[in-house]
Amino acid sequence: MEQWLNLIGNFGFPIVVTFYLLLRFEKKIDHLTDAINKIATTIEKEKDKQ
């Protein structure tokens, strides 16, 4: 039991920070994907007009 507490104490904080950062980056990547898709559709519409 003491070993588990030691492991959680040593690795718990980095694991929590990693998950937090991954979740934040995931949201930003989703926003970037949406922006890229909007740009692509705008370019396609402009191509079709010409």
C-alpha atoms as a PDB file:
ATOM      1  CA  MET A   1       0.000   0.000   0.000  1.00  0.00           C
ATOM      2  CA  GLU A   2       2.834   2.372   0.814  1.00  0.00           C
ATOM      3  CA  GLN A   3       4.351   1.798  -2.626  1.00  0.00           C
ATOM      4  CA  TRP A   4       1.076   2.778  -4.307  1.00  0.00           C
ATOM      5  CA  LEU A   5       0.873   5.986  -2.315  1.00  0.00           C
ATOM      6  CA  ASN A   6       4.478   6.751  -3.202  1.00  0.00           C
ATOM      7  CA  LEU A   7       3.795   6.137  -6.908  1.00  0.00           C
ATOM      8  CA  ILE A   8       0.694   8.322  -6.846  1.00  0.00           C
ATOM      9  CA  GLY A   9       2.611  11.025  -5.018  1.00  0.00           C
ATOM     10  CA  ASN A  10       5.448  10.953  -7.541  1.00  0.00           C
ATOM     11  CA  PHE A  11       3.461  10.556 -10.750  1.00  0.00           C
ATOM     12  CA  GLY A  12      -0.008  11.860  -9.909  1.00  0.00           C
ATOM     13  CA  PHE A  13       0.716  15.539 -10.532  1.00  0.00           C
ATOM     14  CA  PRO A  14       2.459  15.045 -13.913  1.00  0.00           C
ATOM     15  CA  ILE A  15      -0.360  12.776 -15.059  1.00  0.00           C
ATOM     16  CA  VAL A  16      -3.007  15.328 -14.095  1.00  0.00           C
ATOM     17  CA  VAL A  17      -1.100  18.131 -15.854  1.00  0.00           C
ATOM     18  CA  THR A  18      -0.691  15.975 -18.956  1.00  0.00           C
ATOM     19  CA  PHE A  19      -4.405  15.202 -19.167  1.00  0.00           C
ATOM     20  CA  TYR A  20      -5.266  18.866 -18.618  1.00  0.00           C
ATOM     21  CA  LEU A  21      -2.953  19.968 -21.422  1.00  0.00           C
ATOM     22  CA  LEU A  22      -4.195  17.257 -23.769  1.00  0.00           C
ATOM     23  CA  LEU A  23      -7.774  18.362 -23.249  1.00  0.00           C
ATOM     24  CA  ARG A  24      -6.884  22.000 -23.882  1.00  0.00           C
ATOM     25  CA  PHE A  25      -4.919  21.135 -27.020  1.00  0.00           C
ATOM     26  CA  GLU A  26      -7.764  18.961 -28.261  1.00  0.00           C
ATOM     27  CA  LYS A  27     -10.154  21.910 -28.092  1.00  0.00           C
ATOM     28  CA  LYS A  28      -7.691  24.145 -29.918  1.00  0.00           C
ATOM     29  CA  ILE A  29      -7.127  21.508 -32.595  1.00  0.00           C
ATOM     30  CA  ASP A  30     -10.888  21.221 -33.079  1.00  0.00           C
ATOM     31  CA  HIS A  31     -11.123  25.002 -33.544  1.00  0.00           C
ATOM     32  CA  LEU A  32      -8.250  24.945 -36.031  1.00  0.00           C
ATOM     33  CA  THR A  33      -9.883  22.108 -37.959  1.00  0.00           C
ATOM     34  CA  ASP A  34     -13.122  24.073 -38.180  1.00  0.00           C
ATOM     35  CA  ALA A  35     -11.267  27.163 -39.389  1.00  0.00           C
ATOM     36  CA  ILE A  36      -9.405  25.183 -42.046  1.00  0.00           C
ATOM     37  CA  ASN A  37     -12.647  23.616 -43.262  1.00  0.00           C
ATOM     38  CA  LYS A  38     -14.270  27.049 -43.513  1.00  0.00           C
ATOM     39  CA  ILE A  39     -11.318  28.367 -45.496  1.00  0.00           C
ATOM     40  CA  ALA A  40     -11.467  25.364 -47.819  1.00  0.00           C
ATOM     41  CA  THR A  41     -15.180  25.827 -48.500  1.00  0.00           C
ATOM     42  CA  THR A  42     -14.681  29.547 -49.108  1.00  0.00           C
ATOM     43  CA  ILE A  43     -11.903  28.822 -51.606  1.00  0.00           C
ATOM     44  CA  GLU A  44     -14.096  26.267 -53.377  1.00  0.00           C
ATOM     45  CA  LYS A  45     -16.967  28.756 -53.621  1.00  0.00           C
ATOM     46  CA  GLU A  46     -14.647  31.395 -55.064  1.00  0.00           C
ATOM     47  CA  LYS A  47     -13.296  28.890 -57.597  1.00  0.00           C
ATOM     48  CA  ASP A  48     -16.806  28.017 -58.682  1.00  0.00           C
ATOM     49  CA  LYS A  49     -17.670  31.686 -59.230  1.00  0.00           C
ATOM     50  CA  GLN A  50     -14.793  32.145 -61.630  1.00  0.00           C
END
